[in-house]
N, C-alpha and C. Protein backbone atom coordinates (compact mmCIF):
# COMPACT_ATOMS: atom_id res chain seq x y z
N MET A 1 87.15 122.81 84.92
CA MET A 1 87.36 123.41 86.24
C MET A 1 86.68 122.54 87.29
N ASN A 2 87.44 122.15 88.31
CA ASN A 2 86.91 121.31 89.37
C ASN A 2 86.32 122.15 90.49
N LYS A 3 85.29 121.61 91.13
CA LYS A 3 84.70 122.27 92.29
C LYS A 3 85.56 122.00 93.52
N ILE A 4 85.57 122.93 94.44
CA ILE A 4 86.31 122.77 95.69
C ILE A 4 85.32 122.56 96.82
N LEU A 5 85.53 121.47 97.58
CA LEU A 5 84.65 121.14 98.68
C LEU A 5 85.41 121.27 100.00
N HIS A 6 84.68 121.47 101.08
CA HIS A 6 85.27 121.57 102.41
C HIS A 6 84.77 120.39 103.23
N ILE A 7 85.69 119.56 103.69
CA ILE A 7 85.33 118.34 104.40
C ILE A 7 86.11 118.23 105.71
N ASN A 8 85.70 117.27 106.52
CA ASN A 8 86.38 116.97 107.78
C ASN A 8 86.84 115.52 107.73
N VAL A 9 88.14 115.31 107.89
CA VAL A 9 88.70 113.96 107.87
C VAL A 9 89.46 113.74 109.17
N GLY A 10 89.02 112.78 109.97
CA GLY A 10 89.70 112.48 111.23
C GLY A 10 89.76 113.65 112.19
N GLY A 11 88.77 114.55 112.10
CA GLY A 11 88.73 115.69 113.00
C GLY A 11 89.47 116.92 112.49
N TYR A 12 90.01 116.85 111.25
CA TYR A 12 90.75 117.96 110.67
C TYR A 12 90.04 118.47 109.42
N PRO A 13 89.92 119.80 109.27
CA PRO A 13 89.26 120.35 108.08
C PRO A 13 90.20 120.39 106.88
N PHE A 14 89.69 120.07 105.71
CA PHE A 14 90.48 120.12 104.48
C PHE A 14 89.62 120.68 103.35
N SER A 15 90.30 121.34 102.41
CA SER A 15 89.67 121.73 101.15
C SER A 15 90.12 120.72 100.10
N ILE A 16 89.18 120.19 99.32
CA ILE A 16 89.48 119.12 98.40
C ILE A 16 88.68 119.32 97.12
N ASP A 17 89.30 119.00 95.97
CA ASP A 17 88.54 119.15 94.73
C ASP A 17 87.59 117.97 94.56
N ASP A 18 86.57 118.13 93.70
CA ASP A 18 85.50 117.14 93.63
C ASP A 18 85.96 115.78 93.12
N VAL A 19 86.97 115.75 92.24
CA VAL A 19 87.48 114.48 91.72
C VAL A 19 88.16 113.69 92.83
N ALA A 20 89.01 114.38 93.59
CA ALA A 20 89.71 113.74 94.71
C ALA A 20 88.73 113.31 95.79
N PHE A 21 87.70 114.14 96.03
CA PHE A 21 86.70 113.79 97.04
C PHE A 21 85.95 112.53 96.66
N GLU A 22 85.58 112.40 95.37
CA GLU A 22 84.86 111.21 94.93
C GLU A 22 85.69 109.95 95.13
N LYS A 23 86.99 110.02 94.83
CA LYS A 23 87.88 108.87 95.02
C LYS A 23 87.99 108.53 96.51
N LEU A 24 88.18 109.54 97.35
CA LEU A 24 88.30 109.32 98.79
C LEU A 24 87.00 108.78 99.37
N ASP A 25 85.88 109.33 98.93
CA ASP A 25 84.58 108.89 99.44
C ASP A 25 84.32 107.43 99.09
N HIS A 26 84.65 107.03 97.86
CA HIS A 26 84.48 105.63 97.44
C HIS A 26 85.39 104.71 98.25
N TYR A 27 86.60 105.17 98.52
CA TYR A 27 87.57 104.38 99.27
C TYR A 27 87.07 104.14 100.70
N LEU A 28 86.67 105.20 101.38
CA LEU A 28 86.19 105.08 102.76
C LEU A 28 84.89 104.28 102.82
N ASP A 29 84.03 104.45 101.81
CA ASP A 29 82.77 103.71 101.78
C ASP A 29 83.04 102.21 101.62
N SER A 30 84.03 101.86 100.79
CA SER A 30 84.39 100.45 100.61
C SER A 30 84.91 99.85 101.91
N LEU A 31 85.74 100.61 102.64
CA LEU A 31 86.28 100.13 103.90
C LEU A 31 85.18 99.96 104.95
N ARG A 32 84.27 100.92 105.00
CA ARG A 32 83.20 100.83 105.99
C ARG A 32 82.30 99.63 105.72
N LYS A 33 82.00 99.36 104.45
CA LYS A 33 81.18 98.19 104.13
C LYS A 33 81.91 96.90 104.48
N HIS A 34 83.24 96.91 104.35
CA HIS A 34 84.01 95.72 104.66
C HIS A 34 84.04 95.44 106.16
N PHE A 35 84.12 96.51 106.96
CA PHE A 35 84.26 96.34 108.41
C PHE A 35 82.94 96.50 109.17
N GLU A 36 81.82 96.64 108.46
CA GLU A 36 80.56 96.97 109.14
C GLU A 36 80.10 95.87 110.10
N ARG A 37 80.53 94.64 109.88
CA ARG A 37 80.13 93.55 110.77
C ARG A 37 81.06 93.41 111.97
N SER A 38 82.13 94.15 111.97
CA SER A 38 83.07 94.10 113.09
C SER A 38 82.55 94.94 114.25
N GLU A 39 82.75 94.46 115.48
CA GLU A 39 82.31 95.22 116.65
C GLU A 39 83.04 96.56 116.75
N GLY A 40 84.24 96.60 116.22
CA GLY A 40 85.04 97.83 116.32
C GLY A 40 85.01 98.67 115.06
N CYS A 41 83.95 98.54 114.26
CA CYS A 41 83.89 99.26 112.97
C CYS A 41 84.10 100.76 113.12
N ASP A 42 83.38 101.37 114.06
CA ASP A 42 83.48 102.84 114.21
C ASP A 42 84.89 103.25 114.63
N GLU A 43 85.49 102.49 115.55
CA GLU A 43 86.84 102.82 116.00
C GLU A 43 87.85 102.60 114.88
N ILE A 44 87.68 101.52 114.11
CA ILE A 44 88.58 101.25 112.99
C ILE A 44 88.52 102.39 111.99
N MET A 45 87.31 102.81 111.63
CA MET A 45 87.16 103.87 110.63
C MET A 45 87.70 105.20 111.17
N HIS A 46 87.50 105.45 112.47
CA HIS A 46 88.02 106.69 113.06
C HIS A 46 89.55 106.73 112.97
N ASP A 47 90.19 105.59 113.29
CA ASP A 47 91.66 105.55 113.25
C ASP A 47 92.18 105.61 111.82
N ILE A 48 91.45 105.00 110.88
CA ILE A 48 91.85 105.07 109.48
C ILE A 48 91.77 106.51 108.98
N GLU A 49 90.67 107.19 109.31
CA GLU A 49 90.52 108.59 108.88
C GLU A 49 91.58 109.48 109.54
N SER A 50 91.90 109.22 110.80
CA SER A 50 92.92 110.01 111.48
C SER A 50 94.28 109.84 110.80
N ARG A 51 94.58 108.61 110.40
CA ARG A 51 95.85 108.35 109.72
C ARG A 51 95.87 109.00 108.33
N ILE A 52 94.74 108.97 107.62
CA ILE A 52 94.65 109.63 106.31
C ILE A 52 94.85 111.14 106.47
N ALA A 53 94.28 111.71 107.53
CA ALA A 53 94.45 113.14 107.79
C ALA A 53 95.93 113.47 108.01
N GLU A 54 96.65 112.60 108.73
CA GLU A 54 98.09 112.81 108.94
C GLU A 54 98.84 112.79 107.61
N ILE A 55 98.48 111.85 106.74
CA ILE A 55 99.13 111.75 105.43
C ILE A 55 98.84 112.99 104.60
N PHE A 56 97.60 113.46 104.62
CA PHE A 56 97.26 114.69 103.89
C PHE A 56 98.12 115.86 104.36
N GLN A 57 98.27 115.99 105.68
CA GLN A 57 99.05 117.09 106.23
C GLN A 57 100.52 116.98 105.81
N GLU A 58 101.04 115.75 105.76
CA GLU A 58 102.43 115.54 105.34
C GLU A 58 102.63 115.89 103.87
N LYS A 59 101.63 115.54 103.04
CA LYS A 59 101.77 115.71 101.59
C LYS A 59 101.38 117.11 101.12
N MET A 60 100.69 117.87 101.96
CA MET A 60 100.15 119.17 101.53
C MET A 60 101.08 120.34 101.85
N VAL A 61 102.35 120.07 102.05
CA VAL A 61 103.29 121.16 102.35
C VAL A 61 103.32 122.13 101.16
N GLY A 62 102.97 123.38 101.43
CA GLY A 62 102.96 124.38 100.37
C GLY A 62 101.69 124.37 99.54
N ARG A 63 100.74 123.53 99.89
CA ARG A 63 99.48 123.45 99.15
C ARG A 63 98.31 123.74 100.09
N SER A 64 97.21 124.17 99.51
CA SER A 64 96.03 124.46 100.32
C SER A 64 94.85 123.56 99.98
N ILE A 65 94.99 122.77 98.90
CA ILE A 65 93.88 121.93 98.44
C ILE A 65 94.38 120.51 98.24
N VAL A 66 93.56 119.55 98.65
CA VAL A 66 93.87 118.14 98.43
C VAL A 66 93.44 117.76 97.02
N TYR A 67 94.41 117.34 96.21
CA TYR A 67 94.12 116.92 94.85
C TYR A 67 94.17 115.40 94.75
N LEU A 68 93.78 114.87 93.59
CA LEU A 68 93.71 113.43 93.37
C LEU A 68 95.04 112.75 93.64
N GLU A 69 96.13 113.41 93.29
CA GLU A 69 97.46 112.84 93.50
C GLU A 69 97.70 112.53 94.99
N ILE A 70 97.29 113.44 95.87
CA ILE A 70 97.49 113.25 97.30
C ILE A 70 96.60 112.12 97.82
N VAL A 71 95.37 112.04 97.32
CA VAL A 71 94.47 110.95 97.72
C VAL A 71 95.04 109.61 97.29
N ASN A 72 95.59 109.54 96.06
CA ASN A 72 96.21 108.30 95.58
C ASN A 72 97.40 107.90 96.46
N GLN A 73 98.17 108.88 96.90
CA GLN A 73 99.32 108.59 97.76
C GLN A 73 98.86 108.06 99.12
N ALA A 74 97.77 108.64 99.64
CA ALA A 74 97.23 108.17 100.91
C ALA A 74 96.72 106.74 100.80
N ILE A 75 96.03 106.44 99.71
CA ILE A 75 95.52 105.09 99.49
C ILE A 75 96.66 104.10 99.32
N ALA A 76 97.72 104.52 98.62
CA ALA A 76 98.88 103.65 98.44
C ALA A 76 99.54 103.32 99.77
N THR A 77 99.56 104.29 100.68
CA THR A 77 100.15 104.07 102.00
C THR A 77 99.27 103.18 102.87
N MET A 78 97.97 103.44 102.83
CA MET A 78 97.04 102.70 103.68
C MET A 78 96.77 101.29 103.16
N GLY A 79 96.82 101.11 101.84
CA GLY A 79 96.51 99.81 101.24
C GLY A 79 95.14 99.82 100.60
N SER A 80 95.05 99.26 99.39
CA SER A 80 93.78 99.22 98.69
C SER A 80 92.88 98.14 99.28
N PRO A 81 91.56 98.30 99.23
CA PRO A 81 90.64 97.32 99.81
C PRO A 81 90.81 95.91 99.24
N GLU A 82 91.16 95.81 97.95
CA GLU A 82 91.32 94.49 97.33
C GLU A 82 92.41 93.67 98.00
N ALA A 83 93.36 94.34 98.64
CA ALA A 83 94.50 93.64 99.23
C ALA A 83 94.07 92.73 100.37
N PHE A 84 92.90 93.01 100.99
CA PHE A 84 92.44 92.13 102.07
C PHE A 84 91.02 91.64 101.81
N GLY A 85 90.65 91.54 100.53
CA GLY A 85 89.40 90.88 100.17
C GLY A 85 88.17 91.74 100.14
N ALA A 86 88.32 93.06 100.26
CA ALA A 86 87.15 93.93 100.20
C ALA A 86 86.89 94.38 98.77
N GLU A 87 85.63 94.68 98.48
CA GLU A 87 85.29 95.22 97.16
C GLU A 87 85.51 96.72 97.18
N TRP A 88 86.10 97.22 96.09
CA TRP A 88 86.35 98.65 96.00
C TRP A 88 85.50 99.24 94.90
N ILE A 89 84.62 100.14 95.28
CA ILE A 89 83.81 100.85 94.30
C ILE A 89 84.68 101.93 93.67
N ASN A 90 85.41 101.58 92.64
CA ASN A 90 86.40 102.49 92.09
C ASN A 90 86.42 102.35 90.58
N ASP A 91 86.13 103.43 89.86
CA ASP A 91 86.09 103.40 88.40
C ASP A 91 87.45 103.63 87.77
N ASP A 92 88.40 104.16 88.54
CA ASP A 92 89.72 104.44 88.00
C ASP A 92 90.54 103.17 87.93
N GLN A 93 91.53 103.16 87.04
CA GLN A 93 92.46 102.06 86.98
C GLN A 93 93.42 102.17 88.15
N THR A 94 93.82 101.02 88.69
CA THR A 94 94.75 101.01 89.81
C THR A 94 96.10 101.55 89.38
N THR A 95 96.63 102.48 90.16
CA THR A 95 97.90 103.08 89.81
C THR A 95 99.05 102.14 90.12
N GLN A 96 100.20 102.40 89.53
CA GLN A 96 101.38 101.58 89.79
C GLN A 96 101.75 101.63 91.26
N GLN A 97 101.58 102.77 91.88
CA GLN A 97 101.91 102.91 93.29
C GLN A 97 101.00 102.04 94.15
N GLU A 98 99.68 101.95 93.78
CA GLU A 98 98.76 101.11 94.53
C GLU A 98 99.07 99.64 94.32
N GLN A 99 99.48 99.25 93.10
CA GLN A 99 99.86 97.87 92.83
C GLN A 99 101.07 97.48 93.65
N LYS A 100 102.00 98.40 93.82
CA LYS A 100 103.18 98.15 94.63
C LYS A 100 102.78 97.93 96.08
N THR A 101 101.77 98.68 96.53
CA THR A 101 101.33 98.54 97.91
C THR A 101 100.74 97.16 98.16
N LYS A 102 100.06 96.59 97.16
CA LYS A 102 99.48 95.26 97.31
C LYS A 102 100.56 94.24 97.62
N ALA A 103 101.71 94.41 96.98
CA ALA A 103 102.79 93.45 97.16
C ALA A 103 103.53 93.68 98.47
N GLU A 104 103.78 94.94 98.79
CA GLU A 104 104.58 95.25 99.97
C GLU A 104 103.72 95.44 101.21
N TRP A 105 102.44 95.77 101.00
CA TRP A 105 101.47 96.03 102.07
C TRP A 105 101.96 97.05 103.07
N GLY A 106 101.96 98.27 102.62
CA GLY A 106 102.28 99.38 103.53
C GLY A 106 103.75 99.74 103.49
N ILE A 107 104.08 100.87 104.12
CA ILE A 107 105.47 101.31 104.21
C ILE A 107 105.81 101.53 105.67
N ARG A 108 107.03 101.24 106.01
CA ARG A 108 107.47 101.43 107.40
C ARG A 108 107.81 102.90 107.62
N THR A 109 107.15 103.48 108.59
CA THR A 109 107.39 104.89 108.87
C THR A 109 108.46 105.09 109.93
N GLY A 110 108.99 103.98 110.48
CA GLY A 110 109.99 104.10 111.53
C GLY A 110 109.34 104.14 112.90
N LYS A 111 110.07 103.69 113.90
CA LYS A 111 109.51 103.65 115.25
C LYS A 111 109.45 105.04 115.87
N LYS A 112 108.47 105.22 116.74
CA LYS A 112 108.35 106.44 117.52
C LYS A 112 108.33 106.06 118.99
N LEU A 113 108.85 106.95 119.81
CA LEU A 113 108.94 106.67 121.23
C LEU A 113 107.63 107.02 121.92
N PHE A 114 106.98 106.02 122.49
CA PHE A 114 105.77 106.18 123.28
C PHE A 114 105.93 105.42 124.58
N ARG A 115 105.10 105.73 125.56
CA ARG A 115 104.98 104.89 126.75
C ARG A 115 103.98 103.77 126.46
N ASP A 116 104.34 102.56 126.85
CA ASP A 116 103.52 101.39 126.54
C ASP A 116 102.55 101.11 127.69
N PRO A 117 101.25 101.31 127.50
CA PRO A 117 100.29 101.10 128.59
C PRO A 117 99.96 99.63 128.83
N ASP A 118 100.30 98.76 127.88
CA ASP A 118 99.94 97.35 127.98
C ASP A 118 100.95 96.52 128.77
N ASN A 119 102.15 97.05 128.93
CA ASN A 119 103.19 96.28 129.61
C ASN A 119 103.99 97.20 130.52
N LYS A 120 103.31 97.73 131.52
CA LYS A 120 103.95 98.72 132.37
C LYS A 120 103.92 98.29 133.83
N LYS A 121 104.93 98.74 134.57
CA LYS A 121 104.97 98.56 136.01
C LYS A 121 104.60 99.87 136.71
N ILE A 122 105.09 100.98 136.12
CA ILE A 122 104.78 102.31 136.69
C ILE A 122 104.08 103.16 135.64
N ALA A 123 104.83 103.53 134.58
CA ALA A 123 104.25 104.41 133.56
C ALA A 123 104.46 103.89 132.15
N GLY A 124 105.14 102.75 131.99
CA GLY A 124 105.35 102.20 130.65
C GLY A 124 106.55 102.76 129.92
N VAL A 125 107.42 103.49 130.64
CA VAL A 125 108.60 104.10 130.00
C VAL A 125 109.58 103.02 129.54
N CYS A 126 109.91 102.08 130.41
CA CYS A 126 110.88 101.03 130.06
C CYS A 126 110.39 100.17 128.90
N SER A 127 109.11 99.84 128.92
CA SER A 127 108.54 99.04 127.84
C SER A 127 108.57 99.80 126.52
N GLY A 128 108.25 101.10 126.57
CA GLY A 128 108.31 101.92 125.37
C GLY A 128 109.72 102.03 124.80
N LEU A 129 110.72 102.20 125.69
CA LEU A 129 112.11 102.25 125.26
C LEU A 129 112.55 100.92 124.66
N SER A 130 112.06 99.81 125.21
CA SER A 130 112.40 98.48 124.68
C SER A 130 111.91 98.33 123.25
N HIS A 131 110.68 98.78 123.00
CA HIS A 131 110.16 98.74 121.63
C HIS A 131 111.01 99.61 120.70
N TYR A 132 111.37 100.79 121.18
CA TYR A 132 112.10 101.76 120.34
C TYR A 132 113.48 101.24 119.95
N PHE A 133 114.16 100.61 120.90
CA PHE A 133 115.52 100.13 120.64
C PHE A 133 115.57 98.67 120.20
N GLY A 134 114.40 98.05 120.05
CA GLY A 134 114.37 96.69 119.55
C GLY A 134 114.79 95.64 120.56
N ILE A 135 114.64 95.93 121.85
CA ILE A 135 114.96 94.97 122.91
C ILE A 135 113.70 94.14 123.20
N GLN A 136 113.76 92.86 122.93
CA GLN A 136 112.57 92.02 123.04
C GLN A 136 112.14 91.80 124.49
N ASP A 137 113.09 91.69 125.39
CA ASP A 137 112.75 91.45 126.80
C ASP A 137 112.84 92.76 127.58
N VAL A 138 111.69 93.27 128.01
CA VAL A 138 111.64 94.55 128.70
C VAL A 138 112.37 94.49 130.05
N VAL A 139 112.55 93.30 130.59
CA VAL A 139 113.25 93.15 131.88
C VAL A 139 114.66 93.73 131.81
N ILE A 140 115.29 93.58 130.64
CA ILE A 140 116.65 94.10 130.46
C ILE A 140 116.66 95.62 130.68
N MET A 141 115.69 96.31 130.10
CA MET A 141 115.61 97.76 130.26
C MET A 141 115.32 98.14 131.71
N ARG A 142 114.47 97.37 132.36
CA ARG A 142 114.14 97.66 133.75
C ARG A 142 115.35 97.44 134.67
N VAL A 143 116.13 96.41 134.37
CA VAL A 143 117.35 96.16 135.16
C VAL A 143 118.34 97.30 134.98
N LEU A 144 118.47 97.83 133.76
CA LEU A 144 119.38 98.95 133.50
C LEU A 144 118.95 100.18 134.28
N PHE A 145 117.66 100.46 134.33
CA PHE A 145 117.18 101.61 135.09
C PHE A 145 117.39 101.39 136.59
N ALA A 146 117.17 100.16 137.05
CA ALA A 146 117.38 99.87 138.48
C ALA A 146 118.85 100.00 138.85
N ALA A 147 119.75 99.52 137.96
CA ALA A 147 121.19 99.63 138.22
C ALA A 147 121.62 101.09 138.29
N GLY A 148 121.06 101.91 137.39
CA GLY A 148 121.37 103.34 137.41
C GLY A 148 120.85 104.02 138.66
N LEU A 149 119.74 103.51 139.18
CA LEU A 149 119.17 104.08 140.41
C LEU A 149 120.11 103.86 141.60
N PHE A 150 120.70 102.66 141.68
CA PHE A 150 121.61 102.37 142.79
C PHE A 150 123.00 102.95 142.57
N ALA A 151 123.31 103.32 141.31
CA ALA A 151 124.64 103.85 141.00
C ALA A 151 124.71 105.37 141.11
N GLY A 152 123.65 105.99 141.57
CA GLY A 152 123.70 107.44 141.68
C GLY A 152 122.36 108.10 141.51
N GLY A 153 121.41 107.33 141.00
CA GLY A 153 120.04 107.85 140.90
C GLY A 153 119.74 108.64 139.65
N PHE A 154 120.69 108.69 138.67
CA PHE A 154 120.45 109.52 137.48
C PHE A 154 119.30 108.96 136.64
N THR A 155 119.09 107.62 136.68
CA THR A 155 118.01 107.05 135.87
C THR A 155 116.63 107.43 136.40
N LEU A 156 116.55 107.76 137.70
CA LEU A 156 115.27 108.20 138.25
C LEU A 156 114.87 109.53 137.61
N ILE A 157 115.83 110.45 137.49
CA ILE A 157 115.55 111.73 136.84
C ILE A 157 115.19 111.52 135.38
N LEU A 158 115.94 110.62 134.70
CA LEU A 158 115.65 110.33 133.30
C LEU A 158 114.26 109.73 133.14
N TYR A 159 113.90 108.83 134.04
CA TYR A 159 112.58 108.19 133.98
C TYR A 159 111.47 109.23 134.12
N ILE A 160 111.64 110.13 135.09
CA ILE A 160 110.61 111.17 135.31
C ILE A 160 110.49 112.08 134.10
N ILE A 161 111.64 112.45 133.51
CA ILE A 161 111.62 113.31 132.32
C ILE A 161 110.88 112.63 131.17
N LEU A 162 111.20 111.35 130.93
CA LEU A 162 110.54 110.60 129.86
C LEU A 162 109.06 110.39 130.16
N TRP A 163 108.74 110.21 131.43
CA TRP A 163 107.34 110.05 131.83
C TRP A 163 106.53 111.30 131.46
N VAL A 164 107.12 112.46 131.74
CA VAL A 164 106.42 113.72 131.47
C VAL A 164 106.42 114.05 129.98
N ALA A 165 107.55 113.81 129.31
CA ALA A 165 107.73 114.26 127.93
C ALA A 165 107.17 113.30 126.89
N THR A 166 106.98 112.01 127.26
CA THR A 166 106.58 111.02 126.28
C THR A 166 105.09 110.73 126.36
N HIS A 167 104.45 110.69 125.22
CA HIS A 167 103.01 110.43 125.14
C HIS A 167 102.74 108.93 125.25
N GLU A 168 101.66 108.58 125.91
CA GLU A 168 101.27 107.18 126.03
C GLU A 168 100.62 106.72 124.73
N ALA A 169 101.00 105.53 124.26
CA ALA A 169 100.43 104.98 123.02
C ALA A 169 99.00 104.51 123.29
N ILE A 170 98.03 105.30 122.86
CA ILE A 170 96.63 105.00 123.16
C ILE A 170 95.92 104.41 121.94
N THR A 171 96.01 105.09 120.81
CA THR A 171 95.30 104.64 119.62
C THR A 171 96.05 103.50 118.94
N PRO A 172 95.35 102.69 118.12
CA PRO A 172 96.03 101.63 117.37
C PRO A 172 97.17 102.16 116.49
N SER A 173 97.00 103.34 115.91
CA SER A 173 98.06 103.91 115.07
C SER A 173 99.31 104.21 115.88
N GLU A 174 99.12 104.73 117.09
CA GLU A 174 100.25 105.03 117.97
C GLU A 174 100.96 103.75 118.42
N ARG A 175 100.19 102.71 118.67
CA ARG A 175 100.79 101.44 119.10
C ARG A 175 101.57 100.79 117.96
N LEU A 176 101.07 100.96 116.74
CA LEU A 176 101.80 100.45 115.58
C LEU A 176 103.09 101.23 115.38
N ALA A 177 103.01 102.57 115.51
CA ALA A 177 104.20 103.40 115.36
C ALA A 177 105.23 103.08 116.44
N MET A 178 104.78 102.75 117.65
CA MET A 178 105.67 102.40 118.74
C MET A 178 106.48 101.15 118.41
N ARG A 179 105.88 100.23 117.68
CA ARG A 179 106.55 98.98 117.32
C ARG A 179 107.21 99.04 115.94
N GLY A 180 107.04 100.16 115.24
CA GLY A 180 107.64 100.30 113.92
C GLY A 180 106.94 99.49 112.85
N GLU A 181 105.65 99.18 113.08
CA GLU A 181 104.88 98.42 112.11
C GLU A 181 104.19 99.38 111.14
N PRO A 182 103.93 98.94 109.90
CA PRO A 182 103.25 99.80 108.92
C PRO A 182 101.89 100.23 109.43
N ILE A 183 101.60 101.53 109.33
CA ILE A 183 100.31 102.04 109.78
C ILE A 183 99.37 102.03 108.59
N ASN A 184 98.75 100.89 108.34
CA ASN A 184 97.85 100.75 107.21
C ASN A 184 96.52 100.18 107.68
N VAL A 185 95.61 100.01 106.74
CA VAL A 185 94.25 99.57 107.09
C VAL A 185 94.27 98.23 107.80
N GLN A 186 95.00 97.28 107.25
CA GLN A 186 95.01 95.94 107.80
C GLN A 186 95.51 95.91 109.25
N ASN A 187 96.61 96.59 109.51
CA ASN A 187 97.18 96.58 110.86
C ASN A 187 96.33 97.36 111.85
N ILE A 188 95.74 98.47 111.41
CA ILE A 188 94.85 99.23 112.29
C ILE A 188 93.66 98.38 112.70
N ALA A 189 93.03 97.71 111.73
CA ALA A 189 91.88 96.86 112.03
C ALA A 189 92.27 95.73 112.97
N LYS A 190 93.44 95.15 112.73
CA LYS A 190 93.92 94.06 113.57
C LYS A 190 94.10 94.51 115.02
N LYS A 191 94.71 95.69 115.21
CA LYS A 191 94.95 96.19 116.57
C LYS A 191 93.63 96.49 117.29
N VAL A 192 92.68 97.08 116.57
CA VAL A 192 91.39 97.41 117.19
C VAL A 192 90.68 96.13 117.62
N GLU A 193 90.67 95.12 116.75
CA GLU A 193 89.99 93.87 117.06
C GLU A 193 90.69 93.13 118.21
N GLU A 194 92.02 93.20 118.25
CA GLU A 194 92.76 92.59 119.36
C GLU A 194 92.39 93.27 120.68
N GLU A 195 92.25 94.60 120.66
CA GLU A 195 91.90 95.34 121.87
C GLU A 195 90.48 94.97 122.34
N ILE A 196 89.57 94.82 121.38
CA ILE A 196 88.20 94.43 121.73
C ILE A 196 88.19 93.04 122.35
N ASP A 197 88.94 92.11 121.76
CA ASP A 197 89.03 90.75 122.30
C ASP A 197 89.62 90.76 123.72
N ARG A 198 90.63 91.61 123.91
CA ARG A 198 91.27 91.70 125.23
C ARG A 198 90.29 92.22 126.28
N LEU A 199 89.53 93.25 125.92
CA LEU A 199 88.55 93.81 126.85
C LEU A 199 87.42 92.81 127.13
N THR A 200 87.03 92.08 126.07
CA THR A 200 85.99 91.06 126.25
C THR A 200 86.45 89.97 127.20
N ASP A 201 87.69 89.51 127.02
CA ASP A 201 88.25 88.49 127.91
C ASP A 201 88.34 88.99 129.34
N SER A 202 88.76 90.25 129.49
CA SER A 202 88.87 90.83 130.84
C SER A 202 87.50 90.90 131.52
N PHE A 203 86.50 91.28 130.74
CA PHE A 203 85.13 91.37 131.29
C PHE A 203 84.61 89.99 131.66
N ASP A 204 84.87 88.99 130.81
CA ASP A 204 84.43 87.62 131.10
C ASP A 204 85.11 87.09 132.36
N ASN A 205 86.41 87.38 132.48
CA ASN A 205 87.14 86.95 133.69
C ASN A 205 86.58 87.61 134.94
N TRP A 206 86.24 88.89 134.81
CA TRP A 206 85.66 89.62 135.95
C TRP A 206 84.32 89.01 136.35
N LYS A 207 83.49 88.65 135.34
CA LYS A 207 82.20 88.04 135.64
C LYS A 207 82.36 86.69 136.31
N ASP A 208 83.34 85.91 135.82
CA ASP A 208 83.58 84.59 136.41
C ASP A 208 84.01 84.71 137.87
N LYS A 209 84.92 85.65 138.13
CA LYS A 209 85.38 85.85 139.51
C LYS A 209 84.24 86.33 140.41
N ARG A 210 83.39 87.19 139.87
CA ARG A 210 82.26 87.72 140.63
C ARG A 210 81.29 86.60 140.99
N GLN A 211 81.04 85.71 140.02
CA GLN A 211 80.14 84.60 140.27
C GLN A 211 80.73 83.64 141.30
N GLN A 212 82.05 83.43 141.22
CA GLN A 212 82.72 82.56 142.18
C GLN A 212 82.63 83.11 143.59
N ARG A 213 82.77 84.46 143.72
CA ARG A 213 82.64 85.08 145.03
C ARG A 213 81.22 84.89 145.60
N LYS A 214 80.21 85.05 144.71
CA LYS A 214 78.82 84.89 145.16
C LYS A 214 78.58 83.47 145.67
N LYS A 215 79.09 82.49 144.92
CA LYS A 215 78.93 81.10 145.33
C LYS A 215 79.63 80.83 146.66
N LYS A 216 80.81 81.43 146.80
CA LYS A 216 81.58 81.24 148.02
C LYS A 216 80.84 81.79 149.21
N TRP A 217 80.22 82.98 149.07
CA TRP A 217 79.50 83.58 150.18
C TRP A 217 78.22 82.81 150.49
N LYS A 218 77.58 82.26 149.43
CA LYS A 218 76.38 81.46 149.66
C LYS A 218 76.71 80.20 150.43
N ASN A 219 77.80 79.54 150.05
CA ASN A 219 78.22 78.32 150.74
C ASN A 219 78.65 78.60 152.17
N PHE A 220 79.21 79.82 152.36
CA PHE A 220 79.65 80.21 153.69
C PHE A 220 78.45 80.41 154.63
């Protein structure tokens, strides 16, 4: 008889048996040790746990307890630590499903419609639609909306509706889903680190401009 534990994963409460908990705990501990030197370690782990919580909710239809089978499925989706060079403190043999994940590295969950905050003119609706429909140049989508605006204005109403109804892609998982990329450990970590680099570059540019202004005023 297994013990039932109550845990919080990605902000969601779950009941889990002790065998499944031990496997999940070892998995998350291995990932944290692998990413501990990264500046975005906490954010990476938060997004990984949030994605695992989503998988648990998807797999637990009709169930009230997370069993080892569900944890194995979550790990297979996210990717095992060995796939990107991390050590996994795991006494169990790797399942066939996990071995398949090493080769394929994640599964495509399909694109989801979000507003793109990184490439927006107003609200990111056109950029989000471009990702969803696979249009590489967002200008094409913007031209279509502009043409509809001059042809009767129906695209303005459509834009406002999508602006209100569509969620902005904020987290790395949402940005991956917007592009139809596999939502796994490797891609989540990559997106978080890219965002940190982007913010660092923006801050450095701001400092450089600030210093240039100071020099300009001193010379003046």
